[in-house]
Structure formats: C-alpha cells, structure tokens
C-alpha cells in the first residue's frame, strides 16, 4: 500500500478511536478530531489515546474552574476545546510498547 494511502488510513483510524473515546465529552465546535488525529504520533496505542483524551478533559476542567472565579454561574459542564488537546499532547508520556500501526500491519 502506498505511504500516502497508509497515512490516510492510519489517521482515519485514529479519528475513529478519538471519536469513541470522546463520545460523552462536550466538544467545542472548533474541535476537529481528524486534525487532532493528524497530530498524534504513530506510536500511539488505544491506552495512550485514552490518557490523552482524559488529560485534555482535565485541562478543560481546570480552565473551567479557574474561570469560575470570574463567572460562578457557568459551572454546569466542561467543554473541551481544540487547544485543550493541543496543549496536553506534548505533555503526554507514551508508555506502551506496541503501536496501533503494528497491530494494523498484522491484520
């Protein structure tokens, strides 16, 4: 399979994993799961993606709590923004040995 098609397939799979992991999140309208998937390193596994999504949610929650001092009436739910994902990605330590690509190649 040519590399261009492989990269596209790889990113589409990542997008679907992100979609499943964030299905109960309230995502801001600026969030593009495909754009986020393109930023994920190729050695990400499902466990890494789960940790990434949880970290993004916690980053959004922290932002929300800090903003609550200014507007305490707006505390009903956490909205995860694109910047929450972008900010937490470089901070994530990838700990998994096998990559999603390794698993996909074996299929």
C-alpha atoms as a PDB file:
ATOM      1  CA  UNK A   1       0.000   0.000   0.000  1.00  0.00           C
ATOM      2  CA  UNK A   2       1.462   3.421  -0.945  1.00  0.00           C
ATOM      3  CA  UNK A   3       2.548   5.564   2.005  1.00  0.00           C
ATOM      4  CA  UNK A   4       0.020   8.327   1.231  1.00  0.00           C
ATOM      5  CA  UNK A   5      -2.885   5.896   1.460  1.00  0.00           C
ATOM      6  CA  UNK A   6      -1.408   4.235   4.540  1.00  0.00           C
ATOM      7  CA  UNK A   7      -1.096   7.598   6.318  1.00  0.00           C
ATOM      8  CA  UNK A   8      -4.677   8.490   5.422  1.00  0.00           C
ATOM      9  CA  UNK A   9      -5.995   5.127   6.656  1.00  0.00           C
ATOM     10  CA  UNK A  10      -3.917   5.463   9.815  1.00  0.00           C
ATOM     11  CA  UNK A  11      -5.304   8.964  10.558  1.00  0.00           C
ATOM     12  CA  UNK A  12      -8.873   7.881   9.856  1.00  0.00           C
ATOM     13  CA  UNK A  13      -8.495   5.007  12.321  1.00  0.00           C
ATOM     14  CA  UNK A  14      -7.098   7.395  14.933  1.00  0.00           C
ATOM     15  CA  UNK A  15     -10.040   9.737  14.331  1.00  0.00           C
ATOM     16  CA  UNK A  16     -12.497   6.895  14.937  1.00  0.00           C
ATOM     17  CA  UNK A  17     -10.713   5.925  18.167  1.00  0.00           C
ATOM     18  CA  UNK A  18     -10.803   9.563  19.317  1.00  0.00           C
ATOM     19  CA  UNK A  19     -14.482   9.753  18.380  1.00  0.00           C
ATOM     20  CA  UNK A  20     -15.247   6.701  20.517  1.00  0.00           C
ATOM     21  CA  UNK A  21     -13.198   7.952  23.466  1.00  0.00           C
ATOM     22  CA  UNK A  22     -14.766  11.423  23.433  1.00  0.00           C
ATOM     23  CA  UNK A  23     -18.355  10.379  22.692  1.00  0.00           C
ATOM     24  CA  UNK A  24     -19.539  11.561  26.124  1.00  0.00           C
ATOM     25  CA  UNK A  25     -17.454  14.741  26.102  1.00  0.00           C
ATOM     26  CA  UNK A  26     -18.975  18.092  25.266  1.00  0.00           C
ATOM     27  CA  UNK A  27     -16.626  19.191  22.481  1.00  0.00           C
ATOM     28  CA  UNK A  28     -16.368  22.790  21.362  1.00  0.00           C
ATOM     29  CA  UNK A  29     -17.408  23.444  17.773  1.00  0.00           C
ATOM     30  CA  UNK A  30     -13.763  24.185  16.848  1.00  0.00           C
ATOM     31  CA  UNK A  31     -12.679  20.615  17.645  1.00  0.00           C
ATOM     32  CA  UNK A  32     -11.759  18.590  14.571  1.00  0.00           C
ATOM     33  CA  UNK A  33     -10.976  15.028  15.603  1.00  0.00           C
ATOM     34  CA  UNK A  34      -9.230  14.465  12.266  1.00  0.00           C
ATOM     35  CA  UNK A  35      -6.927  17.454  12.902  1.00  0.00           C
ATOM     36  CA  UNK A  36      -6.168  16.099  16.354  1.00  0.00           C
ATOM     37  CA  UNK A  37      -5.555  12.615  14.913  1.00  0.00           C
ATOM     38  CA  UNK A  38      -3.013  14.112  12.492  1.00  0.00           C
ATOM     39  CA  UNK A  39      -1.065  15.481  15.468  1.00  0.00           C
ATOM     40  CA  UNK A  40      -0.881  12.122  17.266  1.00  0.00           C
ATOM     41  CA  UNK A  41       2.416  10.279  16.932  1.00  0.00           C
ATOM     42  CA  UNK A  42       2.418   6.973  15.030  1.00  0.00           C
ATOM     43  CA  UNK A  43       3.366   5.025  18.154  1.00  0.00           C
ATOM     44  CA  UNK A  44       0.128   5.903  19.967  1.00  0.00           C
ATOM     45  CA  UNK A  45      -1.927   2.975  21.217  1.00  0.00           C
ATOM     46  CA  UNK A  46      -5.502   2.932  22.443  1.00  0.00           C
ATOM     47  CA  UNK A  47      -4.248   3.284  26.014  1.00  0.00           C
ATOM     48  CA  UNK A  48      -2.197   6.332  25.051  1.00  0.00           C
ATOM     49  CA  UNK A  49      -5.171   7.854  23.262  1.00  0.00           C
ATOM     50  CA  UNK A  50      -7.374   7.248  26.298  1.00  0.00           C
ATOM     51  CA  UNK A  51      -4.842   9.005  28.546  1.00  0.00           C
ATOM     52  CA  UNK A  52      -4.593  11.826  26.001  1.00  0.00           C
ATOM     53  CA  UNK A  53      -8.374  12.353  25.952  1.00  0.00           C
ATOM     54  CA  UNK A  54      -8.618  12.233  29.752  1.00  0.00           C
ATOM     55  CA  UNK A  55      -5.766  14.747  30.058  1.00  0.00           C
ATOM     56  CA  UNK A  56      -7.488  17.072  27.577  1.00  0.00           C
ATOM     57  CA  UNK A  57     -10.718  16.823  29.586  1.00  0.00           C
ATOM     58  CA  UNK A  58      -8.888  17.573  32.851  1.00  0.00           C
ATOM     59  CA  UNK A  59      -7.153  20.525  31.202  1.00  0.00           C
ATOM     60  CA  UNK A  60     -10.570  21.864  30.148  1.00  0.00           C
ATOM     61  CA  UNK A  61     -11.970  21.248  33.648  1.00  0.00           C
ATOM     62  CA  UNK A  62      -9.070  23.121  35.225  1.00  0.00           C
ATOM     63  CA  UNK A  63      -9.612  26.016  32.822  1.00  0.00           C
ATOM     64  CA  UNK A  64     -13.318  25.959  33.728  1.00  0.00           C
ATOM     65  CA  UNK A  65     -12.636  26.018  37.487  1.00  0.00           C
ATOM     66  CA  UNK A  66     -10.196  28.899  37.132  1.00  0.00           C
ATOM     67  CA  UNK A  67     -12.757  30.801  35.043  1.00  0.00           C
ATOM     68  CA  UNK A  68     -15.457  30.073  37.646  1.00  0.00           C
ATOM     69  CA  UNK A  69     -13.933  32.724  39.864  1.00  0.00           C
ATOM     70  CA  UNK A  70     -14.962  35.258  37.217  1.00  0.00           C
ATOM     71  CA  UNK A  71     -18.379  33.713  36.434  1.00  0.00           C
ATOM     72  CA  UNK A  72     -19.601  31.188  39.045  1.00  0.00           C
ATOM     73  CA  UNK A  73     -22.972  30.770  37.276  1.00  0.00           C
ATOM     74  CA  UNK A  74     -21.354  28.989  34.326  1.00  0.00           C
ATOM     75  CA  UNK A  75     -20.365  25.699  36.005  1.00  0.00           C
ATOM     76  CA  UNK A  76     -22.840  23.187  34.520  1.00  0.00           C
ATOM     77  CA  UNK A  77     -20.500  21.240  32.241  1.00  0.00           C
ATOM     78  CA  UNK A  78     -16.974  21.126  30.849  1.00  0.00           C
ATOM     79  CA  UNK A  79     -16.452  21.996  27.192  1.00  0.00           C
ATOM     80  CA  UNK A  80     -13.265  20.532  25.731  1.00  0.00           C
ATOM     81  CA  UNK A  81     -11.672  22.817  23.156  1.00  0.00           C
ATOM     82  CA  UNK A  82      -9.123  22.154  20.427  1.00  0.00           C
ATOM     83  CA  UNK A  83      -6.478  23.967  22.483  1.00  0.00           C
ATOM     84  CA  UNK A  84      -7.013  21.542  25.376  1.00  0.00           C
ATOM     85  CA  UNK A  85      -5.917  18.696  23.114  1.00  0.00           C
ATOM     86  CA  UNK A  86      -3.026  20.645  21.581  1.00  0.00           C
ATOM     87  CA  UNK A  87      -1.771  21.754  24.999  1.00  0.00           C
ATOM     88  CA  UNK A  88      -1.819  18.303  26.582  1.00  0.00           C
ATOM     89  CA  UNK A  89      -0.360  16.290  23.687  1.00  0.00           C
ATOM     90  CA  UNK A  90       3.297  17.307  24.211  1.00  0.00           C
ATOM     91  CA  UNK A  91       2.978  16.624  27.946  1.00  0.00           C
ATOM     92  CA  UNK A  92       1.792  13.036  27.489  1.00  0.00           C
ATOM     93  CA  UNK A  93       4.304  10.269  28.158  1.00  0.00           C
ATOM     94  CA  UNK A  94       3.798   7.385  25.790  1.00  0.00           C
ATOM     95  CA  UNK A  95       4.322   4.213  27.780  1.00  0.00           C
ATOM     96  CA  UNK A  96       3.038   1.481  25.516  1.00  0.00           C
ATOM     97  CA  UNK A  97       5.341  -0.964  23.771  1.00  0.00           C
ATOM     98  CA  UNK A  98       3.195  -1.968  20.807  1.00  0.00           C
ATOM     99  CA  UNK A  99       1.799   0.591  18.450  1.00  0.00           C
ATOM    100  CA  UNK A 100      -1.526   0.677  16.716  1.00  0.00           C
ATOM    101  CA  UNK A 101       0.383   0.535  13.439  1.00  0.00           C
ATOM    102  CA  UNK A 102       1.983  -2.779  14.473  1.00  0.00           C
ATOM    103  CA  UNK A 103      -1.435  -4.232  15.177  1.00  0.00           C
ATOM    104  CA  UNK A 104      -2.897  -2.909  11.934  1.00  0.00           C
ATOM    105  CA  UNK A 105       0.017  -4.255   9.884  1.00  0.00           C
ATOM    106  CA  UNK A 106      -0.683  -7.737  11.242  1.00  0.00           C
ATOM    107  CA  UNK A 107      -4.320  -7.622  10.083  1.00  0.00           C
END
